[in-house]
Each structure stands twice: as structure tokens, then as C-alpha cells.
């Protein structure tokens, strides 16, 4: 009697597992053999050769950097790798930290800023973006 009960339990479990496998295969996306290798997609839009298409310009948020000597150098050289917004997003840094940051950009990251311009950029950042003089 015990062995018959075990056999019934084993058969019920096997049916449950088989049903689960079939359901899992269905959810995975296995389909009939006739549809294998076929990708069903919506037909692409046909563009007419005589139509006019327009793309709007990429939005560039305006950055209000403080006016002063060195601003033009910052706009020219700091735009090469990142937006000037990166400067205004920084917390007010000490003057020495700005010098370290600019030298890191130039030497470590290879910004290639000429020495005269590097000095102007450092002086500009120290004059406008330290804790003592930054206007938030």
C-alpha cells in the first residue's frame, strides 16, 4: 500500500513538473517549428524622397559662469572634455584644490592646455569659485 501511494505521488509530481516545463517554454517564447527563424516586426516607415524632414537642435543648457579675466580660456579649453556646467556643479573648493584639478585635467587626462592658458584658468577659478568668493 505504501509503495502504491508513493507511485501515485511520484506520478502526480511528474505531471506537475511537466506542466510547469510546458508553461515555462510557452512564456519563454518557444513557438511552433514552422515559425522558427522568423522575426515578426512592424514594417518601417517609408520616407518619401521629396519630403522635408527637420530635426531640432540638441538642447544645450546655458551656463552662467562669472565674468572675469580667464573666462574665455575656460570656455575654450574646459569645453573640450566636459561642459562648463561641471565647474558650477562643484562645491566651493579651496584655491589649492582648483590648481590641483586643472593640473590633473591637463597632465593626467591629457587636456593639452598651454601653460599660459592653464595659469589663466587657475586664476579665474580661484577668483570666482572658492568658498570665500563664490556667489550661489
N, C-alpha and C. Protein backbone atom coordinates (compact mmCIF):
# COMPACT_ATOMS: atom_id res chain seq x y z
N UNK A 1 0.81 -1.19 0.00
CA UNK A 1 0.00 0.00 0.00
C UNK A 1 0.86 1.26 0.00
N UNK A 2 1.96 1.19 0.78
CA UNK A 2 2.84 2.34 0.83
C UNK A 2 3.49 2.60 -0.52
N UNK A 3 3.87 1.54 -1.19
CA UNK A 3 4.54 1.71 -2.48
C UNK A 3 3.57 2.24 -3.53
N UNK A 4 2.29 1.83 -3.42
CA UNK A 4 1.29 2.34 -4.37
C UNK A 4 1.06 3.83 -4.14
N UNK A 5 1.04 4.28 -2.90
CA UNK A 5 0.87 5.69 -2.56
C UNK A 5 2.05 6.52 -3.06
N UNK A 6 3.24 5.92 -2.90
CA UNK A 6 4.44 6.62 -3.40
C UNK A 6 4.41 6.74 -4.91
N UNK A 7 3.95 5.70 -5.58
CA UNK A 7 3.88 5.72 -7.04
C UNK A 7 2.89 6.78 -7.52
N UNK A 8 1.75 6.90 -6.84
CA UNK A 8 0.75 7.91 -7.22
C UNK A 8 1.31 9.31 -6.97
N UNK A 9 1.97 9.48 -5.84
CA UNK A 9 2.57 10.78 -5.52
C UNK A 9 3.66 11.14 -6.53
N UNK A 10 4.49 10.18 -6.90
CA UNK A 10 5.54 10.40 -7.89
C UNK A 10 4.93 10.76 -9.25
N UNK A 11 3.89 10.07 -9.65
CA UNK A 11 3.24 10.36 -10.93
C UNK A 11 2.62 11.75 -10.92
N UNK A 12 2.01 12.16 -9.82
CA UNK A 12 1.39 13.49 -9.73
C UNK A 12 2.46 14.57 -9.79
N UNK A 13 3.57 14.34 -9.10
CA UNK A 13 4.68 15.31 -9.14
C UNK A 13 5.25 15.42 -10.55
N UNK A 14 5.41 14.28 -11.21
CA UNK A 14 5.94 14.29 -12.57
C UNK A 14 5.04 15.07 -13.51
N UNK A 15 3.72 14.88 -13.39
CA UNK A 15 2.77 15.63 -14.22
C UNK A 15 2.84 17.12 -13.93
N UNK A 16 2.99 17.47 -12.65
CA UNK A 16 3.09 18.88 -12.27
C UNK A 16 4.34 19.52 -12.84
N UNK A 17 5.46 18.80 -12.76
CA UNK A 17 6.71 19.31 -13.31
C UNK A 17 6.61 19.45 -14.82
N UNK A 18 6.04 18.45 -15.49
CA UNK A 18 5.89 18.50 -16.95
C UNK A 18 5.01 19.68 -17.35
N UNK A 19 3.94 19.91 -16.62
CA UNK A 19 3.06 21.04 -16.94
C UNK A 19 3.81 22.36 -16.73
N UNK A 20 4.62 22.43 -15.69
CA UNK A 20 5.41 23.63 -15.43
C UNK A 20 6.42 23.90 -16.53
N UNK A 21 7.06 22.84 -17.03
CA UNK A 21 8.04 22.99 -18.11
C UNK A 21 7.36 23.48 -19.37
N UNK A 22 6.21 22.91 -19.71
CA UNK A 22 5.48 23.34 -20.90
C UNK A 22 5.08 24.80 -20.77
N UNK A 23 4.59 25.20 -19.61
CA UNK A 23 4.18 26.59 -19.39
C UNK A 23 5.39 27.52 -19.47
N UNK A 24 6.53 27.09 -18.89
CA UNK A 24 7.74 27.91 -18.94
C UNK A 24 8.22 28.07 -20.37
N UNK A 25 8.18 27.00 -21.16
CA UNK A 25 8.58 27.10 -22.56
C UNK A 25 7.67 28.06 -23.31
N UNK A 26 6.39 28.04 -23.01
CA UNK A 26 5.45 28.94 -23.65
C UNK A 26 5.78 30.39 -23.30
N UNK A 27 6.09 30.65 -22.03
CA UNK A 27 6.40 32.00 -21.59
C UNK A 27 7.74 32.49 -22.16
N UNK A 28 8.68 31.57 -22.40
CA UNK A 28 9.97 31.95 -22.96
C UNK A 28 9.85 32.37 -24.41
N UNK A 29 8.85 31.94 -25.08
CA UNK A 29 8.68 32.31 -26.47
C UNK A 29 8.97 31.20 -27.44
N UNK A 30 8.99 29.94 -27.01
CA UNK A 30 9.16 28.84 -27.94
C UNK A 30 7.87 28.68 -28.74
N UNK A 31 8.00 28.62 -30.02
CA UNK A 31 6.83 28.56 -30.87
C UNK A 31 6.87 27.32 -31.74
N UNK A 32 5.89 27.21 -32.60
CA UNK A 32 5.79 26.06 -33.49
C UNK A 32 7.00 26.03 -34.44
N UNK A 33 7.41 24.83 -34.86
CA UNK A 33 8.58 24.72 -35.75
C UNK A 33 8.44 25.52 -37.04
N UNK A 34 7.24 25.74 -37.52
CA UNK A 34 7.07 26.49 -38.77
C UNK A 34 7.48 27.96 -38.60
N UNK A 35 7.46 28.47 -37.36
CA UNK A 35 7.78 29.88 -37.12
C UNK A 35 9.22 30.10 -36.67
N UNK A 36 9.99 29.04 -36.52
CA UNK A 36 11.38 29.20 -36.09
C UNK A 36 12.18 29.97 -37.14
N UNK A 37 13.00 30.88 -36.69
CA UNK A 37 13.83 31.65 -37.61
C UNK A 37 13.13 32.85 -38.21
N UNK A 38 11.88 33.07 -37.87
CA UNK A 38 11.13 34.20 -38.41
C UNK A 38 11.01 35.26 -37.32
N UNK A 39 11.35 36.49 -37.66
CA UNK A 39 11.19 37.60 -36.73
C UNK A 39 10.08 38.48 -37.27
N UNK A 40 9.07 38.65 -36.46
CA UNK A 40 7.93 39.46 -36.89
C UNK A 40 8.11 40.87 -36.35
N UNK A 41 8.20 41.84 -37.27
CA UNK A 41 8.36 43.24 -36.90
C UNK A 41 7.38 44.09 -37.68
N UNK A 42 7.12 45.25 -37.14
CA UNK A 42 6.29 46.21 -37.85
C UNK A 42 7.09 46.73 -39.04
N UNK A 43 6.42 46.92 -40.15
CA UNK A 43 7.10 47.44 -41.34
C UNK A 43 7.61 48.85 -41.07
N UNK A 44 8.85 49.16 -41.48
CA UNK A 44 9.39 50.50 -41.24
C UNK A 44 8.63 51.55 -42.06
N UNK A 45 8.65 52.76 -41.55
CA UNK A 45 8.01 53.87 -42.25
C UNK A 45 8.80 54.17 -43.50
N UNK A 46 8.12 54.35 -44.59
CA UNK A 46 8.81 54.69 -45.83
C UNK A 46 8.94 56.20 -45.92
N UNK A 47 10.17 56.67 -46.09
CA UNK A 47 10.42 58.09 -46.24
C UNK A 47 10.32 58.45 -47.71
N UNK A 48 9.63 59.51 -47.98
CA UNK A 48 9.48 59.95 -49.36
C UNK A 48 10.66 60.83 -49.75
N UNK A 49 11.18 60.65 -50.97
CA UNK A 49 12.37 61.42 -51.37
C UNK A 49 12.10 62.92 -51.51
N UNK A 50 10.88 63.33 -51.75
CA UNK A 50 10.60 64.75 -51.95
C UNK A 50 10.04 65.42 -50.68
N UNK A 51 10.10 64.75 -49.55
CA UNK A 51 9.57 65.32 -48.31
C UNK A 51 10.65 66.12 -47.59
N UNK A 52 10.20 67.01 -46.74
CA UNK A 52 11.12 67.80 -45.93
C UNK A 52 11.08 67.26 -44.50
N UNK A 53 12.25 66.98 -43.96
CA UNK A 53 12.36 66.49 -42.59
C UNK A 53 13.21 67.47 -41.81
N UNK A 54 12.86 67.67 -40.56
CA UNK A 54 13.57 68.64 -39.76
C UNK A 54 13.90 68.02 -38.40
N UNK A 55 15.08 68.29 -37.93
CA UNK A 55 15.50 67.83 -36.62
C UNK A 55 15.82 69.07 -35.80
N UNK A 56 15.26 69.14 -34.61
CA UNK A 56 15.52 70.31 -33.78
C UNK A 56 16.93 70.24 -33.21
N UNK A 57 17.51 71.37 -32.88
CA UNK A 57 18.88 71.36 -32.33
C UNK A 57 18.92 70.70 -30.96
N UNK A 58 20.06 70.13 -30.65
CA UNK A 58 20.25 69.48 -29.37
C UNK A 58 20.21 70.55 -28.28
N UNK A 59 19.40 70.38 -27.24
CA UNK A 59 19.32 71.42 -26.22
C UNK A 59 20.59 71.48 -25.38
N UNK A 60 21.17 72.66 -25.31
CA UNK A 60 22.36 72.88 -24.50
C UNK A 60 21.99 73.89 -23.44
N UNK A 61 21.98 73.47 -22.18
CA UNK A 61 21.60 74.41 -21.14
C UNK A 61 22.65 75.52 -21.00
N UNK A 62 22.16 76.73 -20.82
CA UNK A 62 23.07 77.86 -20.67
C UNK A 62 23.75 77.80 -19.32
N UNK A 63 25.01 78.12 -19.31
CA UNK A 63 25.78 78.14 -18.08
C UNK A 63 26.20 79.57 -17.82
N UNK A 64 25.89 80.06 -16.64
CA UNK A 64 26.27 81.42 -16.29
C UNK A 64 27.55 81.38 -15.48
N UNK A 65 28.67 81.41 -16.18
CA UNK A 65 29.95 81.49 -15.50
C UNK A 65 30.20 82.95 -15.14
N UNK A 66 30.90 83.15 -14.06
CA UNK A 66 31.19 84.51 -13.60
C UNK A 66 32.06 85.24 -14.62
N UNK A 67 31.73 86.49 -14.95
CA UNK A 67 32.58 87.24 -15.88
C UNK A 67 33.91 87.57 -15.23
N UNK A 68 34.95 87.59 -16.02
CA UNK A 68 36.27 87.95 -15.49
C UNK A 68 37.37 87.50 -16.42
N UNK A 69 38.58 87.88 -16.06
CA UNK A 69 39.75 87.52 -16.86
C UNK A 69 39.97 86.01 -16.77
N UNK A 70 40.03 85.36 -17.89
CA UNK A 70 40.21 83.91 -17.95
C UNK A 70 38.94 83.18 -18.35
N UNK A 71 37.81 83.88 -18.39
CA UNK A 71 36.54 83.24 -18.76
C UNK A 71 36.61 82.64 -20.15
N UNK A 72 37.19 83.37 -21.09
CA UNK A 72 37.27 82.86 -22.46
C UNK A 72 38.13 81.60 -22.53
N UNK A 73 39.21 81.54 -21.76
CA UNK A 73 40.06 80.35 -21.74
C UNK A 73 39.29 79.15 -21.16
N UNK A 74 38.51 79.40 -20.12
CA UNK A 74 37.70 78.33 -19.53
C UNK A 74 36.69 77.82 -20.56
N UNK A 75 36.03 78.74 -21.26
CA UNK A 75 35.03 78.33 -22.25
C UNK A 75 35.66 77.57 -23.40
N UNK A 76 36.86 77.91 -23.78
CA UNK A 76 37.52 77.23 -24.90
C UNK A 76 38.07 75.87 -24.48
N UNK A 77 38.87 75.84 -23.43
CA UNK A 77 39.59 74.61 -23.09
C UNK A 77 38.79 73.64 -22.23
N UNK A 78 37.94 74.13 -21.35
CA UNK A 78 37.20 73.23 -20.47
C UNK A 78 36.02 72.58 -21.19
N UNK A 79 35.62 73.13 -22.33
CA UNK A 79 34.55 72.54 -23.13
C UNK A 79 35.02 71.34 -23.94
N UNK A 80 36.31 71.14 -24.02
CA UNK A 80 36.84 70.03 -24.82
C UNK A 80 36.40 68.69 -24.27
N UNK A 81 36.43 68.53 -22.96
CA UNK A 81 36.10 67.23 -22.36
C UNK A 81 34.79 67.22 -21.60
N UNK A 82 34.36 68.36 -21.11
CA UNK A 82 33.12 68.40 -20.34
C UNK A 82 32.48 69.77 -20.48
N UNK A 83 31.25 69.86 -20.06
CA UNK A 83 30.51 71.11 -20.10
C UNK A 83 31.02 72.06 -19.03
N UNK A 84 30.93 73.36 -19.26
CA UNK A 84 31.29 74.31 -18.20
C UNK A 84 30.39 74.16 -16.97
N UNK A 85 29.24 73.51 -17.15
CA UNK A 85 28.34 73.26 -16.01
C UNK A 85 29.07 72.44 -14.94
N UNK A 86 30.03 71.66 -15.35
CA UNK A 86 30.80 70.85 -14.41
C UNK A 86 31.48 71.73 -13.37
N UNK A 87 31.88 72.94 -13.78
CA UNK A 87 32.53 73.88 -12.85
C UNK A 87 31.52 74.37 -11.83
N UNK A 88 30.35 74.73 -12.28
CA UNK A 88 29.34 75.29 -11.37
C UNK A 88 28.71 74.22 -10.49
N UNK A 89 28.81 72.95 -10.86
CA UNK A 89 28.26 71.87 -10.05
C UNK A 89 29.16 71.52 -8.88
N UNK A 90 30.44 71.90 -8.95
CA UNK A 90 31.37 71.58 -7.88
C UNK A 90 31.03 72.37 -6.62
N UNK A 91 31.29 71.81 -5.46
CA UNK A 91 31.15 72.62 -4.25
C UNK A 91 32.27 73.66 -4.25
N UNK A 92 32.13 74.73 -3.50
CA UNK A 92 33.22 75.70 -3.45
C UNK A 92 34.51 75.03 -2.98
N UNK A 93 35.52 75.04 -3.82
CA UNK A 93 36.79 74.39 -3.50
C UNK A 93 37.82 75.42 -3.05
N UNK A 94 38.75 75.03 -2.20
CA UNK A 94 39.84 75.94 -1.86
C UNK A 94 40.68 76.24 -3.10
N UNK A 95 41.41 77.34 -3.06
CA UNK A 95 42.21 77.77 -4.22
C UNK A 95 43.20 76.68 -4.64
N UNK A 96 43.84 76.03 -3.68
CA UNK A 96 44.81 74.97 -4.00
C UNK A 96 44.14 73.79 -4.69
N UNK A 97 42.91 73.51 -4.32
CA UNK A 97 42.20 72.40 -4.95
C UNK A 97 41.91 72.70 -6.42
N UNK A 98 41.58 73.94 -6.75
CA UNK A 98 41.34 74.29 -8.15
C UNK A 98 42.62 74.13 -8.96
N UNK A 99 43.74 74.51 -8.38
CA UNK A 99 45.02 74.34 -9.09
C UNK A 99 45.29 72.86 -9.33
N UNK A 100 45.04 72.05 -8.32
CA UNK A 100 45.23 70.60 -8.45
C UNK A 100 44.30 70.02 -9.52
N UNK A 101 43.04 70.45 -9.53
CA UNK A 101 42.06 69.94 -10.51
C UNK A 101 42.48 70.29 -11.94
N UNK A 102 42.86 71.54 -12.15
CA UNK A 102 43.24 71.95 -13.52
C UNK A 102 44.50 71.21 -13.96
N UNK A 103 45.47 71.07 -13.08
CA UNK A 103 46.68 70.32 -13.43
C UNK A 103 46.37 68.85 -13.69
N UNK A 104 45.41 68.28 -12.95
CA UNK A 104 45.00 66.89 -13.19
C UNK A 104 44.37 66.76 -14.57
N UNK A 105 43.50 67.70 -14.91
CA UNK A 105 42.87 67.66 -16.25
C UNK A 105 43.93 67.74 -17.33
N UNK A 106 44.92 68.58 -17.11
CA UNK A 106 45.94 68.82 -18.12
C UNK A 106 46.95 67.66 -18.20
N UNK A 107 47.48 67.25 -17.08
CA UNK A 107 48.56 66.25 -17.09
C UNK A 107 48.05 64.82 -17.08
N UNK A 108 47.09 64.52 -16.22
CA UNK A 108 46.61 63.15 -16.11
C UNK A 108 45.65 62.77 -17.23
N UNK A 109 44.69 63.67 -17.52
CA UNK A 109 43.69 63.37 -18.54
C UNK A 109 44.08 63.86 -19.93
N UNK A 110 45.21 64.55 -20.05
CA UNK A 110 45.72 64.95 -21.37
C UNK A 110 44.93 66.04 -22.06
N UNK A 111 44.45 67.04 -21.30
CA UNK A 111 43.66 68.12 -21.90
C UNK A 111 44.49 68.95 -22.88
N UNK A 112 45.79 69.02 -22.72
CA UNK A 112 46.65 69.73 -23.67
C UNK A 112 46.47 71.25 -23.64
N UNK A 113 46.24 71.80 -22.47
CA UNK A 113 46.07 73.26 -22.35
C UNK A 113 47.45 73.88 -22.26
N UNK A 114 47.73 74.88 -23.08
CA UNK A 114 49.03 75.55 -23.00
C UNK A 114 49.26 76.15 -21.61
N UNK A 115 50.53 76.27 -21.22
CA UNK A 115 50.89 76.71 -19.87
C UNK A 115 50.31 78.08 -19.52
N UNK A 116 50.37 79.04 -20.45
CA UNK A 116 49.83 80.38 -20.17
C UNK A 116 48.33 80.31 -19.91
N UNK A 117 47.63 79.54 -20.71
CA UNK A 117 46.19 79.40 -20.54
C UNK A 117 45.85 78.64 -19.26
N UNK A 118 46.68 77.68 -18.91
CA UNK A 118 46.47 76.94 -17.67
C UNK A 118 46.51 77.88 -16.48
N UNK A 119 47.48 78.78 -16.46
CA UNK A 119 47.61 79.75 -15.36
C UNK A 119 46.39 80.67 -15.31
N UNK A 120 45.91 81.11 -16.48
CA UNK A 120 44.73 81.99 -16.53
C UNK A 120 43.49 81.26 -16.00
N UNK A 121 43.34 80.00 -16.38
CA UNK A 121 42.19 79.21 -15.93
C UNK A 121 42.23 79.03 -14.42
N UNK A 122 43.41 78.70 -13.89
CA UNK A 122 43.54 78.50 -12.44
C UNK A 122 43.21 79.80 -11.71
N UNK A 123 43.75 80.92 -12.17
CA UNK A 123 43.47 82.21 -11.51
C UNK A 123 41.99 82.56 -11.60
N UNK A 124 41.37 82.29 -12.74
CA UNK A 124 39.94 82.57 -12.89
C UNK A 124 39.11 81.74 -11.90
N UNK A 125 39.39 80.44 -11.83
CA UNK A 125 38.63 79.57 -10.92
C UNK A 125 38.87 79.95 -9.46
N UNK A 126 40.09 80.30 -9.14
CA UNK A 126 40.40 80.71 -7.77
C UNK A 126 39.74 82.04 -7.42
N UNK A 127 39.56 82.90 -8.41
CA UNK A 127 38.96 84.21 -8.16
C UNK A 127 37.44 84.15 -8.04
N UNK A 128 36.81 83.14 -8.63
CA UNK A 128 35.35 83.13 -8.68
C UNK A 128 34.67 81.91 -8.05
N UNK A 129 35.38 80.83 -7.81
CA UNK A 129 34.72 79.60 -7.38
C UNK A 129 35.35 78.96 -6.13
N UNK A 130 35.83 79.79 -5.21
CA UNK A 130 36.27 79.29 -3.91
C UNK A 130 35.19 79.60 -2.88
N UNK A 131 35.34 79.04 -1.70
CA UNK A 131 34.33 79.26 -0.64
C UNK A 131 34.23 80.73 -0.25
N UNK A 132 35.34 81.45 -0.35
CA UNK A 132 35.36 82.86 0.08
C UNK A 132 34.62 83.78 -0.89
N UNK A 133 34.65 83.47 -2.19
CA UNK A 133 34.13 84.43 -3.16
C UNK A 133 33.04 83.89 -4.09
N UNK A 134 32.61 82.68 -3.88
CA UNK A 134 31.58 82.13 -4.77
C UNK A 134 30.22 82.68 -4.42
N UNK A 135 29.51 83.11 -5.45
CA UNK A 135 28.15 83.61 -5.27
C UNK A 135 27.18 82.54 -5.71
N UNK A 136 26.41 82.01 -4.79
CA UNK A 136 25.47 80.93 -5.12
C UNK A 136 24.10 81.49 -5.41
